[in-house]
Amino acid sequence: MSSSEVLQVERRGEGVALVTLDRPDKRNALNRKLRQAIIDALDALGADDDVKVVVVCGSGGVFCAGFDLDELMAADDQAAVFAHSTSYHHAVHSFTKPLVAAIEGAAVAGGMDLALMCDLRVAATNARFGQPQVKMGVPAAFELVRMVVPEPVARELCLTGRIIDADEATEAGLVNRSVEPGGALEAALALAGEIAAAAGSVTMKQVFVKAQPALFTNEGADS
């Protein structure tokens, strides 16, 4: 399966593909190149009848630290950056096959958003979640957060930018399964194998997509 310098894509068991964010020196921050690689990978995996479920993880012991702020601040046209981010969010949020996030370390800001757009989340006990961008005046993804956790919890996280640990995230329903550090990928792949073996899993995901709020649209986005 195809890979690039920022994203690794491989087959991991029958019906299971693994997508690895591979910018460990940047804590897997989502720059344009990585966002586009994710869009392209999901397009290909969505069209591959042999793939039933996709696991998403990060390299270097971190899931994802959010958008690449250095790239954003250096951009001559920040509107174009946000337009491209809409294409990226749309591709993940509306992906037609089950997505399982394997989370070690930080999943914050856009990294938390990526985890939330997955159907299920397996997190190590060293995982951390939050919307810290609100402390810098950048809006949190409230509508996305409240899809997964109770609204009072979503409001608190989006108002304060507070970081929560895996135990609190599990209690809030954000995390489906919690494992020891270093074990998130193995547990997520095992869960993905269960899903891939279920004959109706892809059909169910399509039901999920039809029922969920249309939080991201591709209208006018620069892909």
N, C-alpha and C. Protein backbone atom coordinates (compact mmCIF):
# COMPACT_ATOMS: atom_id res chain seq x y z
N MET A 1 0.84 -1.20 0.00
CA MET A 1 0.00 0.00 0.00
C MET A 1 0.87 1.25 0.00
N SER A 2 0.35 2.35 -0.46
CA SER A 2 1.15 3.55 -0.68
C SER A 2 1.52 4.25 0.62
N SER A 3 2.68 4.92 0.59
CA SER A 3 3.14 5.70 1.74
C SER A 3 3.81 6.96 1.21
N SER A 4 4.09 7.89 2.11
CA SER A 4 4.79 9.11 1.74
C SER A 4 5.74 9.46 2.86
N GLU A 5 6.41 10.61 2.73
CA GLU A 5 7.37 10.99 3.77
C GLU A 5 6.70 11.42 5.06
N VAL A 6 5.38 11.68 5.03
CA VAL A 6 4.68 12.14 6.23
C VAL A 6 3.57 11.19 6.69
N LEU A 7 3.29 10.15 5.89
CA LEU A 7 2.19 9.24 6.22
C LEU A 7 2.52 7.85 5.71
N GLN A 8 2.39 6.87 6.60
CA GLN A 8 2.63 5.49 6.23
C GLN A 8 1.29 4.74 6.17
N VAL A 9 1.08 3.98 5.10
CA VAL A 9 -0.15 3.21 4.92
C VAL A 9 0.23 1.77 4.64
N GLU A 10 -0.30 0.86 5.43
CA GLU A 10 0.04 -0.56 5.27
C GLU A 10 -1.13 -1.45 5.63
N ARG A 11 -1.11 -2.67 5.13
CA ARG A 11 -2.12 -3.66 5.46
C ARG A 11 -1.71 -4.38 6.74
N ARG A 12 -2.62 -4.48 7.70
CA ARG A 12 -2.32 -5.14 8.97
C ARG A 12 -3.43 -6.12 9.32
N GLY A 13 -3.41 -7.25 8.65
CA GLY A 13 -4.42 -8.27 8.91
C GLY A 13 -5.53 -8.19 7.88
N GLU A 14 -6.35 -9.22 7.84
CA GLU A 14 -7.40 -9.32 6.84
C GLU A 14 -8.43 -8.20 7.03
N GLY A 15 -8.57 -7.39 6.00
CA GLY A 15 -9.56 -6.33 6.02
C GLY A 15 -9.16 -5.09 6.79
N VAL A 16 -7.93 -5.06 7.33
CA VAL A 16 -7.50 -3.95 8.20
C VAL A 16 -6.33 -3.20 7.56
N ALA A 17 -6.46 -1.89 7.48
CA ALA A 17 -5.36 -1.04 7.03
C ALA A 17 -4.93 -0.15 8.19
N LEU A 18 -3.64 0.16 8.23
CA LEU A 18 -3.07 1.03 9.27
C LEU A 18 -2.53 2.28 8.61
N VAL A 19 -2.97 3.43 9.10
CA VAL A 19 -2.49 4.73 8.64
C VAL A 19 -1.73 5.38 9.79
N THR A 20 -0.44 5.68 9.56
CA THR A 20 0.41 6.23 10.62
C THR A 20 0.88 7.62 10.26
N LEU A 21 0.50 8.59 11.09
CA LEU A 21 1.02 9.95 10.93
C LEU A 21 2.51 9.91 11.26
N ASP A 22 3.35 10.41 10.34
CA ASP A 22 4.78 10.19 10.47
C ASP A 22 5.59 11.49 10.38
N ARG A 23 5.31 12.37 11.34
CA ARG A 23 6.12 13.58 11.53
C ARG A 23 6.54 13.63 13.01
N PRO A 24 7.28 12.63 13.47
CA PRO A 24 7.58 12.55 14.91
C PRO A 24 8.34 13.76 15.43
N ASP A 25 9.16 14.39 14.59
CA ASP A 25 9.92 15.56 15.02
C ASP A 25 9.02 16.76 15.27
N LYS A 26 7.81 16.73 14.69
CA LYS A 26 6.82 17.80 14.88
C LYS A 26 5.62 17.30 15.68
N ARG A 27 5.79 16.23 16.40
CA ARG A 27 4.72 15.61 17.19
C ARG A 27 3.49 15.35 16.32
N ASN A 28 3.78 14.98 15.05
CA ASN A 28 2.74 14.64 14.07
C ASN A 28 1.76 15.77 13.82
N ALA A 29 2.25 17.00 13.91
CA ALA A 29 1.41 18.16 13.63
C ALA A 29 0.91 18.11 12.19
N LEU A 30 -0.32 18.57 12.01
CA LEU A 30 -1.01 18.45 10.73
C LEU A 30 -0.69 19.64 9.83
N ASN A 31 0.42 19.54 9.08
CA ASN A 31 0.67 20.55 8.07
C ASN A 31 -0.11 20.20 6.80
N ARG A 32 -0.04 21.06 5.81
CA ARG A 32 -0.81 20.83 4.58
C ARG A 32 -0.44 19.51 3.93
N LYS A 33 0.86 19.20 3.88
CA LYS A 33 1.29 17.97 3.23
C LYS A 33 0.70 16.74 3.92
N LEU A 34 0.67 16.75 5.24
CA LEU A 34 0.11 15.62 5.96
C LEU A 34 -1.40 15.56 5.80
N ARG A 35 -2.06 16.70 5.87
CA ARG A 35 -3.51 16.70 5.66
C ARG A 35 -3.88 16.15 4.28
N GLN A 36 -3.13 16.57 3.26
CA GLN A 36 -3.42 16.10 1.91
C GLN A 36 -3.12 14.61 1.79
N ALA A 37 -2.06 14.16 2.45
CA ALA A 37 -1.74 12.72 2.41
C ALA A 37 -2.85 11.90 3.06
N ILE A 38 -3.46 12.43 4.13
CA ILE A 38 -4.57 11.73 4.77
C ILE A 38 -5.78 11.69 3.83
N ILE A 39 -6.08 12.82 3.19
CA ILE A 39 -7.18 12.86 2.22
C ILE A 39 -6.96 11.80 1.13
N ASP A 40 -5.77 11.78 0.56
CA ASP A 40 -5.47 10.85 -0.54
C ASP A 40 -5.54 9.40 -0.07
N ALA A 41 -5.02 9.13 1.13
CA ALA A 41 -5.03 7.77 1.65
C ALA A 41 -6.45 7.28 1.89
N LEU A 42 -7.28 8.13 2.48
CA LEU A 42 -8.66 7.72 2.75
C LEU A 42 -9.45 7.55 1.45
N ASP A 43 -9.18 8.38 0.46
CA ASP A 43 -9.83 8.19 -0.84
C ASP A 43 -9.50 6.81 -1.40
N ALA A 44 -8.22 6.43 -1.33
CA ALA A 44 -7.80 5.14 -1.86
C ALA A 44 -8.36 3.98 -1.04
N LEU A 45 -8.31 4.11 0.28
CA LEU A 45 -8.80 3.04 1.15
C LEU A 45 -10.31 2.89 1.04
N GLY A 46 -11.01 4.00 0.86
CA GLY A 46 -12.45 3.93 0.70
C GLY A 46 -12.85 3.18 -0.55
N ALA A 47 -12.01 3.25 -1.59
CA ALA A 47 -12.31 2.58 -2.86
C ALA A 47 -11.79 1.15 -2.91
N ASP A 48 -11.05 0.72 -1.89
CA ASP A 48 -10.45 -0.62 -1.86
C ASP A 48 -11.42 -1.59 -1.17
N ASP A 49 -12.02 -2.49 -1.94
CA ASP A 49 -13.01 -3.41 -1.39
C ASP A 49 -12.41 -4.40 -0.39
N ASP A 50 -11.09 -4.56 -0.41
CA ASP A 50 -10.46 -5.49 0.53
C ASP A 50 -10.27 -4.87 1.91
N VAL A 51 -10.43 -3.56 2.02
CA VAL A 51 -10.27 -2.86 3.30
C VAL A 51 -11.64 -2.64 3.92
N LYS A 52 -11.81 -3.14 5.14
CA LYS A 52 -13.08 -3.01 5.86
C LYS A 52 -13.02 -2.00 7.00
N VAL A 53 -11.83 -1.77 7.53
CA VAL A 53 -11.67 -0.88 8.67
C VAL A 53 -10.26 -0.30 8.64
N VAL A 54 -10.11 0.94 9.13
CA VAL A 54 -8.82 1.62 9.11
C VAL A 54 -8.47 2.05 10.53
N VAL A 55 -7.23 1.75 10.93
CA VAL A 55 -6.69 2.21 12.22
C VAL A 55 -5.79 3.40 11.95
N VAL A 56 -5.92 4.43 12.78
CA VAL A 56 -5.10 5.64 12.67
C VAL A 56 -4.25 5.78 13.92
N CYS A 57 -2.95 5.98 13.74
CA CYS A 57 -2.08 6.18 14.90
C CYS A 57 -1.02 7.22 14.55
N GLY A 58 -0.22 7.59 15.54
CA GLY A 58 0.88 8.52 15.33
C GLY A 58 2.21 7.86 15.64
N SER A 59 3.27 8.34 15.03
CA SER A 59 4.60 7.80 15.29
C SER A 59 5.27 8.55 16.44
N GLY A 60 6.30 7.95 17.00
CA GLY A 60 7.09 8.63 18.02
C GLY A 60 6.44 8.78 19.37
N GLY A 61 5.44 7.95 19.66
CA GLY A 61 4.82 7.99 20.98
C GLY A 61 3.83 9.12 21.18
N VAL A 62 3.44 9.81 20.10
CA VAL A 62 2.45 10.90 20.16
C VAL A 62 1.42 10.66 19.07
N PHE A 63 0.15 10.84 19.41
CA PHE A 63 -0.89 10.69 18.39
C PHE A 63 -0.83 11.89 17.45
N CYS A 64 -1.16 13.07 17.95
CA CYS A 64 -1.11 14.26 17.10
C CYS A 64 -1.27 15.50 17.97
N ALA A 65 -0.37 16.46 17.76
CA ALA A 65 -0.38 17.69 18.56
C ALA A 65 -1.21 18.80 17.92
N GLY A 66 -1.98 18.48 16.89
CA GLY A 66 -2.85 19.48 16.29
C GLY A 66 -2.29 20.03 14.99
N PHE A 67 -2.83 21.14 14.55
CA PHE A 67 -2.36 21.76 13.31
C PHE A 67 -0.96 22.33 13.51
N ASP A 68 -0.23 22.41 12.42
CA ASP A 68 1.13 22.94 12.45
C ASP A 68 1.05 24.46 12.53
N LEU A 69 1.25 25.01 13.71
CA LEU A 69 1.11 26.45 13.91
C LEU A 69 2.19 27.25 13.21
N ASP A 70 3.39 26.65 13.06
CA ASP A 70 4.47 27.35 12.35
C ASP A 70 4.06 27.59 10.90
N GLU A 71 3.47 26.58 10.28
CA GLU A 71 3.01 26.72 8.90
C GLU A 71 1.88 27.74 8.81
N LEU A 72 0.96 27.68 9.76
CA LEU A 72 -0.18 28.60 9.73
C LEU A 72 0.28 30.05 9.88
N MET A 73 1.19 30.30 10.81
CA MET A 73 1.65 31.66 11.05
C MET A 73 2.47 32.20 9.87
N ALA A 74 3.15 31.31 9.15
CA ALA A 74 3.99 31.73 8.04
C ALA A 74 3.21 31.86 6.73
N ALA A 75 1.96 31.43 6.71
CA ALA A 75 1.19 31.41 5.48
C ALA A 75 0.84 32.82 5.01
N ASP A 76 1.03 33.06 3.71
CA ASP A 76 0.64 34.35 3.14
C ASP A 76 -0.88 34.46 3.04
N ASP A 77 -1.54 33.31 2.84
CA ASP A 77 -2.99 33.28 2.67
C ASP A 77 -3.57 32.29 3.67
N GLN A 78 -3.88 32.78 4.87
CA GLN A 78 -4.41 31.88 5.90
C GLN A 78 -5.79 31.36 5.53
N ALA A 79 -6.54 32.11 4.72
CA ALA A 79 -7.85 31.65 4.28
C ALA A 79 -7.72 30.37 3.47
N ALA A 80 -6.67 30.28 2.67
CA ALA A 80 -6.44 29.07 1.87
C ALA A 80 -6.11 27.88 2.77
N VAL A 81 -5.38 28.14 3.85
CA VAL A 81 -5.07 27.07 4.81
C VAL A 81 -6.35 26.53 5.42
N PHE A 82 -7.24 27.44 5.84
CA PHE A 82 -8.48 26.99 6.46
C PHE A 82 -9.40 26.30 5.45
N ALA A 83 -9.37 26.75 4.18
CA ALA A 83 -10.16 26.08 3.14
C ALA A 83 -9.67 24.65 2.94
N HIS A 84 -8.36 24.47 2.93
CA HIS A 84 -7.82 23.12 2.77
C HIS A 84 -8.14 22.27 3.99
N SER A 85 -8.14 22.87 5.17
CA SER A 85 -8.47 22.11 6.37
C SER A 85 -9.91 21.62 6.32
N THR A 86 -10.80 22.37 5.65
CA THR A 86 -12.18 21.91 5.49
C THR A 86 -12.23 20.64 4.65
N SER A 87 -11.44 20.58 3.58
CA SER A 87 -11.37 19.37 2.76
C SER A 87 -10.88 18.18 3.59
N TYR A 88 -9.86 18.43 4.41
CA TYR A 88 -9.32 17.38 5.28
C TYR A 88 -10.37 16.89 6.28
N HIS A 89 -11.01 17.82 6.99
CA HIS A 89 -12.02 17.42 7.97
C HIS A 89 -13.16 16.66 7.30
N HIS A 90 -13.58 17.12 6.14
CA HIS A 90 -14.66 16.45 5.43
C HIS A 90 -14.28 15.02 5.07
N ALA A 91 -13.05 14.82 4.61
CA ALA A 91 -12.59 13.49 4.21
C ALA A 91 -12.61 12.51 5.38
N VAL A 92 -12.19 12.99 6.56
CA VAL A 92 -12.15 12.09 7.72
C VAL A 92 -13.54 11.89 8.30
N HIS A 93 -14.27 12.99 8.50
CA HIS A 93 -15.57 12.94 9.17
C HIS A 93 -16.58 12.12 8.37
N SER A 94 -16.48 12.14 7.06
CA SER A 94 -17.47 11.45 6.21
C SER A 94 -16.92 10.16 5.61
N PHE A 95 -15.77 9.68 6.09
CA PHE A 95 -15.19 8.44 5.56
C PHE A 95 -16.17 7.29 5.74
N THR A 96 -16.33 6.48 4.71
CA THR A 96 -17.42 5.50 4.66
C THR A 96 -17.11 4.15 5.29
N LYS A 97 -15.92 4.01 5.88
CA LYS A 97 -15.58 2.76 6.56
C LYS A 97 -15.17 3.08 8.01
N PRO A 98 -15.31 2.09 8.90
CA PRO A 98 -14.98 2.35 10.31
C PRO A 98 -13.53 2.80 10.50
N LEU A 99 -13.36 3.78 11.38
CA LEU A 99 -12.05 4.30 11.76
C LEU A 99 -11.83 4.06 13.25
N VAL A 100 -10.66 3.54 13.59
CA VAL A 100 -10.30 3.31 14.98
C VAL A 100 -9.01 4.08 15.27
N ALA A 101 -9.02 4.94 16.27
CA ALA A 101 -7.82 5.70 16.65
C ALA A 101 -7.06 4.94 17.73
N ALA A 102 -5.75 4.80 17.53
CA ALA A 102 -4.85 4.21 18.53
C ALA A 102 -4.02 5.35 19.09
N ILE A 103 -4.27 5.71 20.34
CA ILE A 103 -3.74 6.97 20.88
C ILE A 103 -2.73 6.73 21.99
N GLU A 104 -1.52 7.20 21.75
CA GLU A 104 -0.47 7.27 22.76
C GLU A 104 -0.10 8.74 22.90
N GLY A 105 0.11 9.22 24.10
CA GLY A 105 0.55 10.59 24.30
C GLY A 105 -0.52 11.60 23.93
N ALA A 106 -0.07 12.74 23.41
CA ALA A 106 -0.96 13.87 23.18
C ALA A 106 -1.89 13.67 21.98
N ALA A 107 -3.16 13.99 22.22
CA ALA A 107 -4.16 14.12 21.15
C ALA A 107 -4.89 15.42 21.47
N VAL A 108 -4.31 16.53 21.09
CA VAL A 108 -4.82 17.83 21.51
C VAL A 108 -5.12 18.71 20.30
N ALA A 109 -6.02 19.70 20.53
CA ALA A 109 -6.43 20.63 19.47
C ALA A 109 -6.87 19.81 18.25
N GLY A 110 -6.27 20.05 17.09
CA GLY A 110 -6.64 19.29 15.90
C GLY A 110 -6.37 17.82 16.03
N GLY A 111 -5.46 17.43 16.91
CA GLY A 111 -5.21 16.01 17.16
C GLY A 111 -6.37 15.35 17.90
N MET A 112 -6.95 16.09 18.85
CA MET A 112 -8.16 15.59 19.51
C MET A 112 -9.30 15.52 18.50
N ASP A 113 -9.39 16.52 17.62
CA ASP A 113 -10.44 16.51 16.60
C ASP A 113 -10.32 15.26 15.72
N LEU A 114 -9.09 14.93 15.33
CA LEU A 114 -8.89 13.73 14.51
C LEU A 114 -9.35 12.49 15.25
N ALA A 115 -9.01 12.38 16.53
CA ALA A 115 -9.46 11.24 17.32
C ALA A 115 -10.98 11.19 17.42
N LEU A 116 -11.60 12.36 17.60
CA LEU A 116 -13.05 12.41 17.74
C LEU A 116 -13.76 12.05 16.44
N MET A 117 -13.14 12.33 15.31
CA MET A 117 -13.76 11.99 14.03
C MET A 117 -13.69 10.51 13.72
N CYS A 118 -12.85 9.78 14.47
CA CYS A 118 -12.84 8.33 14.35
C CYS A 118 -14.05 7.75 15.07
N ASP A 119 -14.43 6.53 14.71
CA ASP A 119 -15.61 5.91 15.32
C ASP A 119 -15.33 5.41 16.73
N LEU A 120 -14.13 4.90 16.94
CA LEU A 120 -13.74 4.36 18.23
C LEU A 120 -12.34 4.82 18.57
N ARG A 121 -12.05 4.89 19.87
CA ARG A 121 -10.76 5.35 20.34
C ARG A 121 -10.21 4.40 21.40
N VAL A 122 -9.02 3.87 21.12
CA VAL A 122 -8.28 3.06 22.08
C VAL A 122 -7.10 3.90 22.54
N ALA A 123 -7.00 4.15 23.84
CA ALA A 123 -5.98 5.07 24.34
C ALA A 123 -5.14 4.42 25.43
N ALA A 124 -3.85 4.70 25.37
CA ALA A 124 -2.96 4.32 26.46
C ALA A 124 -3.22 5.24 27.65
N THR A 125 -2.83 4.78 28.83
CA THR A 125 -3.07 5.58 30.03
C THR A 125 -2.23 6.85 30.06
N ASN A 126 -1.24 6.96 29.15
CA ASN A 126 -0.46 8.20 29.06
C ASN A 126 -1.07 9.20 28.08
N ALA A 127 -2.22 8.89 27.52
CA ALA A 127 -2.86 9.78 26.55
C ALA A 127 -3.38 11.04 27.23
N ARG A 128 -3.40 12.12 26.47
CA ARG A 128 -3.90 13.40 26.95
C ARG A 128 -4.76 14.03 25.86
N PHE A 129 -5.86 14.66 26.28
CA PHE A 129 -6.81 15.24 25.34
C PHE A 129 -7.15 16.67 25.77
N GLY A 130 -7.48 17.51 24.81
CA GLY A 130 -7.92 18.85 25.15
C GLY A 130 -7.99 19.75 23.94
N GLN A 131 -8.56 20.93 24.17
CA GLN A 131 -8.71 21.97 23.14
C GLN A 131 -7.95 23.23 23.59
N PRO A 132 -6.64 23.11 23.80
CA PRO A 132 -5.89 24.23 24.39
C PRO A 132 -5.80 25.45 23.50
N GLN A 133 -6.19 25.33 22.23
CA GLN A 133 -6.11 26.49 21.34
C GLN A 133 -7.00 27.64 21.78
N VAL A 134 -8.03 27.32 22.61
CA VAL A 134 -8.92 28.41 23.05
C VAL A 134 -8.16 29.42 23.91
N LYS A 135 -7.08 29.00 24.53
CA LYS A 135 -6.29 29.93 25.34
C LYS A 135 -5.59 30.98 24.49
N MET A 136 -5.47 30.68 23.17
CA MET A 136 -4.85 31.62 22.24
C MET A 136 -5.91 32.33 21.39
N GLY A 137 -7.18 32.14 21.74
CA GLY A 137 -8.24 32.80 21.00
C GLY A 137 -8.73 32.06 19.78
N VAL A 138 -8.28 30.82 19.59
CA VAL A 138 -8.72 30.01 18.45
C VAL A 138 -9.91 29.17 18.90
N PRO A 139 -11.03 29.21 18.21
CA PRO A 139 -12.22 28.48 18.65
C PRO A 139 -11.98 26.98 18.74
N ALA A 140 -12.60 26.36 19.72
CA ALA A 140 -12.57 24.91 19.86
C ALA A 140 -13.62 24.28 18.95
N ALA A 141 -13.48 22.98 18.72
CA ALA A 141 -14.40 22.25 17.85
C ALA A 141 -15.59 21.75 18.68
N PHE A 142 -16.38 22.69 19.21
CA PHE A 142 -17.43 22.34 20.16
C PHE A 142 -18.44 21.35 19.59
N GLU A 143 -18.93 21.58 18.39
CA GLU A 143 -19.95 20.69 17.83
C GLU A 143 -19.42 19.27 17.67
N LEU A 144 -18.15 19.15 17.33
CA LEU A 144 -17.54 17.83 17.21
C LEU A 144 -17.35 17.20 18.59
N VAL A 145 -16.86 17.96 19.56
CA VAL A 145 -16.63 17.42 20.90
C VAL A 145 -17.93 16.91 21.51
N ARG A 146 -19.02 17.68 21.36
CA ARG A 146 -20.26 17.27 22.00
C ARG A 146 -20.94 16.10 21.30
N MET A 147 -20.45 15.73 20.11
CA MET A 147 -20.93 14.49 19.48
C MET A 147 -20.47 13.27 20.25
N VAL A 148 -19.35 13.39 20.98
CA VAL A 148 -18.72 12.24 21.61
C VAL A 148 -18.89 12.23 23.12
N VAL A 149 -18.80 13.39 23.76
CA VAL A 149 -18.90 13.45 25.21
C VAL A 149 -20.15 14.24 25.60
N PRO A 150 -20.63 14.07 26.84
CA PRO A 150 -21.80 14.84 27.28
C PRO A 150 -21.58 16.34 27.11
N GLU A 151 -22.64 17.06 26.79
CA GLU A 151 -22.50 18.49 26.48
C GLU A 151 -21.88 19.30 27.61
N PRO A 152 -22.22 19.07 28.89
CA PRO A 152 -21.55 19.85 29.94
C PRO A 152 -20.03 19.66 29.93
N VAL A 153 -19.58 18.44 29.66
CA VAL A 153 -18.14 18.19 29.59
C VAL A 153 -17.56 18.91 28.37
N ALA A 154 -18.26 18.83 27.24
CA ALA A 154 -17.79 19.50 26.02
C ALA A 154 -17.67 21.00 26.25
N ARG A 155 -18.66 21.57 26.93
CA ARG A 155 -18.60 23.02 27.18
C ARG A 155 -17.41 23.39 28.05
N GLU A 156 -17.17 22.59 29.08
CA GLU A 156 -16.03 22.90 29.95
C GLU A 156 -14.71 22.83 29.19
N LEU A 157 -14.52 21.75 28.42
CA LEU A 157 -13.27 21.60 27.68
C LEU A 157 -13.08 22.74 26.69
N CYS A 158 -14.17 23.15 26.05
CA CYS A 158 -14.07 24.18 25.01
C CYS A 158 -14.00 25.59 25.58
N LEU A 159 -14.41 25.78 26.82
CA LEU A 159 -14.30 27.08 27.47
C LEU A 159 -12.95 27.28 28.15
N THR A 160 -12.41 26.20 28.71
CA THR A 160 -11.20 26.33 29.52
C THR A 160 -9.92 25.96 28.79
N GLY A 161 -10.01 25.08 27.79
CA GLY A 161 -8.81 24.56 27.16
C GLY A 161 -8.06 23.58 28.04
N ARG A 162 -8.74 23.09 29.08
CA ARG A 162 -8.10 22.18 30.04
C ARG A 162 -7.73 20.84 29.38
N ILE A 163 -6.57 20.32 29.76
CA ILE A 163 -6.12 19.01 29.27
C ILE A 163 -6.60 17.94 30.25
N ILE A 164 -7.18 16.87 29.72
CA ILE A 164 -7.63 15.77 30.57
C ILE A 164 -6.82 14.51 30.27
N ASP A 165 -6.69 13.66 31.29
CA ASP A 165 -5.93 12.43 31.09
C ASP A 165 -6.85 11.30 30.61
N ALA A 166 -6.26 10.14 30.38
CA ALA A 166 -7.00 9.02 29.81
C ALA A 166 -8.11 8.54 30.74
N ASP A 167 -7.88 8.58 32.06
CA ASP A 167 -8.91 8.14 33.00
C ASP A 167 -10.14 9.03 32.90
N GLU A 168 -9.93 10.34 32.89
CA GLU A 168 -11.06 11.26 32.79
C GLU A 168 -11.75 11.14 31.43
N ALA A 169 -10.94 10.94 30.39
CA ALA A 169 -11.51 10.79 29.06
C ALA A 169 -12.35 9.52 28.96
N THR A 170 -11.90 8.46 29.62
CA THR A 170 -12.66 7.21 29.61
C THR A 170 -13.97 7.40 30.37
N GLU A 171 -13.91 8.06 31.50
CA GLU A 171 -15.12 8.31 32.30
C GLU A 171 -16.13 9.14 31.51
N ALA A 172 -15.63 10.06 30.69
CA ALA A 172 -16.51 10.93 29.90
C ALA A 172 -17.06 10.23 28.66
N GLY A 173 -16.54 9.04 28.35
CA GLY A 173 -17.01 8.32 27.17
C GLY A 173 -16.22 8.63 25.91
N LEU A 174 -15.16 9.43 26.04
CA LEU A 174 -14.34 9.76 24.89
C LEU A 174 -13.50 8.56 24.46
N VAL A 175 -13.03 7.80 25.42
CA VAL A 175 -12.19 6.63 25.16
C VAL A 175 -13.03 5.36 25.32
N ASN A 176 -12.95 4.47 24.32
CA ASN A 176 -13.68 3.20 24.39
C ASN A 176 -12.93 2.15 25.20
N ARG A 177 -11.62 2.10 25.01
CA ARG A 177 -10.80 1.12 25.72
C ARG A 177 -9.49 1.78 26.14
N SER A 178 -9.07 1.52 27.37
CA SER A 178 -7.84 2.07 27.91
C SER A 178 -6.85 0.94 28.16
N VAL A 179 -5.60 1.16 27.76
CA VAL A 179 -4.57 0.12 27.88
C VAL A 179 -3.29 0.73 28.43
N GLU A 180 -2.35 -0.11 28.76
CA GLU A 180 -1.07 0.35 29.28
C GLU A 180 -0.27 1.07 28.18
N PRO A 181 0.60 2.01 28.54
CA PRO A 181 1.41 2.69 27.54
C PRO A 181 2.16 1.71 26.65
N GLY A 182 2.17 2.01 25.37
CA GLY A 182 2.80 1.14 24.39
C GLY A 182 1.87 0.09 23.81
N GLY A 183 0.66 -0.03 24.38
CA GLY A 183 -0.25 -1.08 23.94
C GLY A 183 -1.42 -0.63 23.10
N ALA A 184 -1.51 0.67 22.81
CA ALA A 184 -2.70 1.19 22.12
C ALA A 184 -2.83 0.62 20.71
N LEU A 185 -1.74 0.55 19.98
CA LEU A 185 -1.83 0.08 18.59
C LEU A 185 -2.24 -1.38 18.54
N GLU A 186 -1.62 -2.22 19.36
CA GLU A 186 -1.98 -3.64 19.36
C GLU A 186 -3.45 -3.84 19.71
N ALA A 187 -3.93 -3.10 20.72
CA ALA A 187 -5.33 -3.23 21.12
C ALA A 187 -6.27 -2.71 20.03
N ALA A 188 -5.88 -1.61 19.38
CA ALA A 188 -6.71 -1.05 18.31
C ALA A 188 -6.77 -1.98 17.12
N LEU A 189 -5.65 -2.60 16.79
CA LEU A 189 -5.64 -3.55 15.67
C LEU A 189 -6.50 -4.77 15.98
N ALA A 190 -6.48 -5.23 17.24
CA ALA A 190 -7.33 -6.35 17.62
C ALA A 190 -8.80 -5.97 17.51
N LEU A 191 -9.14 -4.77 17.95
CA LEU A 191 -10.51 -4.29 17.84
C LEU A 191 -10.91 -4.15 16.36
N ALA A 192 -9.99 -3.64 15.55
CA ALA A 192 -10.26 -3.51 14.12
C ALA A 192 -10.50 -4.87 13.48
N GLY A 193 -9.77 -5.88 13.95
CA GLY A 193 -9.98 -7.22 13.43
C GLY A 193 -11.38 -7.73 13.73
N GLU A 194 -11.87 -7.43 14.93
CA GLU A 194 -13.25 -7.80 15.28
C GLU A 194 -14.25 -7.12 14.36
N ILE A 195 -14.01 -5.84 14.11
CA ILE A 195 -14.92 -5.07 13.26
C ILE A 195 -14.88 -5.60 11.83
N ALA A 196 -13.68 -5.88 11.32
CA ALA A 196 -13.54 -6.35 9.94
C ALA A 196 -14.23 -7.70 9.75
N ALA A 197 -14.28 -8.50 10.81
CA ALA A 197 -14.90 -9.82 10.72
C ALA A 197 -16.42 -9.75 10.76
N ALA A 198 -16.96 -8.61 11.15
CA ALA A 198 -18.42 -8.44 11.21
C ALA A 198 -18.93 -8.06 9.82
N ALA A 199 -19.79 -8.86 9.27
CA ALA A 199 -20.21 -8.69 7.88
C ALA A 199 -20.87 -7.34 7.63
N GLY A 200 -21.53 -6.77 8.64
CA GLY A 200 -22.27 -5.54 8.42
C GLY A 200 -21.56 -4.28 8.86
N SER A 201 -20.25 -4.35 9.11
CA SER A 201 -19.57 -3.18 9.70
C SER A 201 -19.55 -1.99 8.76
N VAL A 202 -19.28 -2.20 7.47
CA VAL A 202 -19.23 -1.08 6.54
C VAL A 202 -20.63 -0.48 6.35
N THR A 203 -21.63 -1.34 6.30
CA THR A 203 -23.01 -0.85 6.19
C THR A 203 -23.37 -0.01 7.41
N MET A 204 -22.96 -0.46 8.59
CA MET A 204 -23.25 0.31 9.80
C MET A 204 -22.56 1.67 9.76
N LYS A 205 -21.32 1.73 9.28
CA LYS A 205 -20.62 3.01 9.21
C LYS A 205 -21.37 3.98 8.31
N GLN A 206 -21.91 3.47 7.23
CA GLN A 206 -22.68 4.34 6.34
C GLN A 206 -23.93 4.87 7.03
N VAL A 207 -24.52 4.06 7.92
CA VAL A 207 -25.64 4.52 8.73
C VAL A 207 -25.18 5.64 9.66
N PHE A 208 -24.01 5.47 10.27
CA PHE A 208 -23.47 6.49 11.16
C PHE A 208 -23.30 7.82 10.42
N VAL A 209 -22.71 7.76 9.23
CA VAL A 209 -22.43 8.98 8.47
C VAL A 209 -23.73 9.69 8.09
N LYS A 210 -24.74 8.92 7.71
CA LYS A 210 -26.01 9.53 7.34
C LYS A 210 -26.69 10.19 8.54
N ALA A 211 -26.47 9.62 9.73
CA ALA A 211 -27.16 10.11 10.93
C ALA A 211 -26.42 11.26 11.62
N GLN A 212 -25.14 11.40 11.37
CA GLN A 212 -24.36 12.40 12.10
C GLN A 212 -24.56 13.80 11.51
N PRO A 213 -24.37 14.84 12.32
CA PRO A 213 -24.48 16.21 11.81
C PRO A 213 -23.44 16.47 10.72
N ALA A 214 -23.81 17.24 9.73
CA ALA A 214 -22.89 17.61 8.65
C ALA A 214 -22.03 18.78 9.12
N LEU A 215 -21.03 18.48 9.92
CA LEU A 215 -20.22 19.53 10.53
C LEU A 215 -19.25 20.18 9.55
N PHE A 216 -18.84 19.44 8.55
CA PHE A 216 -17.85 19.96 7.60
C PHE A 216 -18.38 19.75 6.19
N THR A 217 -18.30 20.77 5.37
CA THR A 217 -18.69 20.64 3.98
C THR A 217 -17.50 20.92 3.10
N ASN A 218 -17.55 20.42 1.89
CA ASN A 218 -16.45 20.59 0.96
C ASN A 218 -16.66 21.77 0.03
N GLU A 219 -17.72 22.54 0.27
CA GLU A 219 -18.05 23.63 -0.62
C GLU A 219 -16.97 24.69 -0.64
N GLY A 220 -16.44 24.91 -1.81
CA GLY A 220 -15.44 25.97 -1.96
C GLY A 220 -14.09 25.66 -1.38
N ALA A 221 -13.89 24.43 -0.89
CA ALA A 221 -12.60 24.11 -0.28
C ALA A 221 -11.54 23.89 -1.35
N ASP A 222 -10.33 24.28 -1.00
CA ASP A 222 -9.20 24.10 -1.90
C ASP A 222 -8.54 22.79 -1.58
N SER A 223 -8.73 21.79 -2.42
CA SER A 223 -8.17 20.47 -2.15
C SER A 223 -6.86 20.27 -2.90
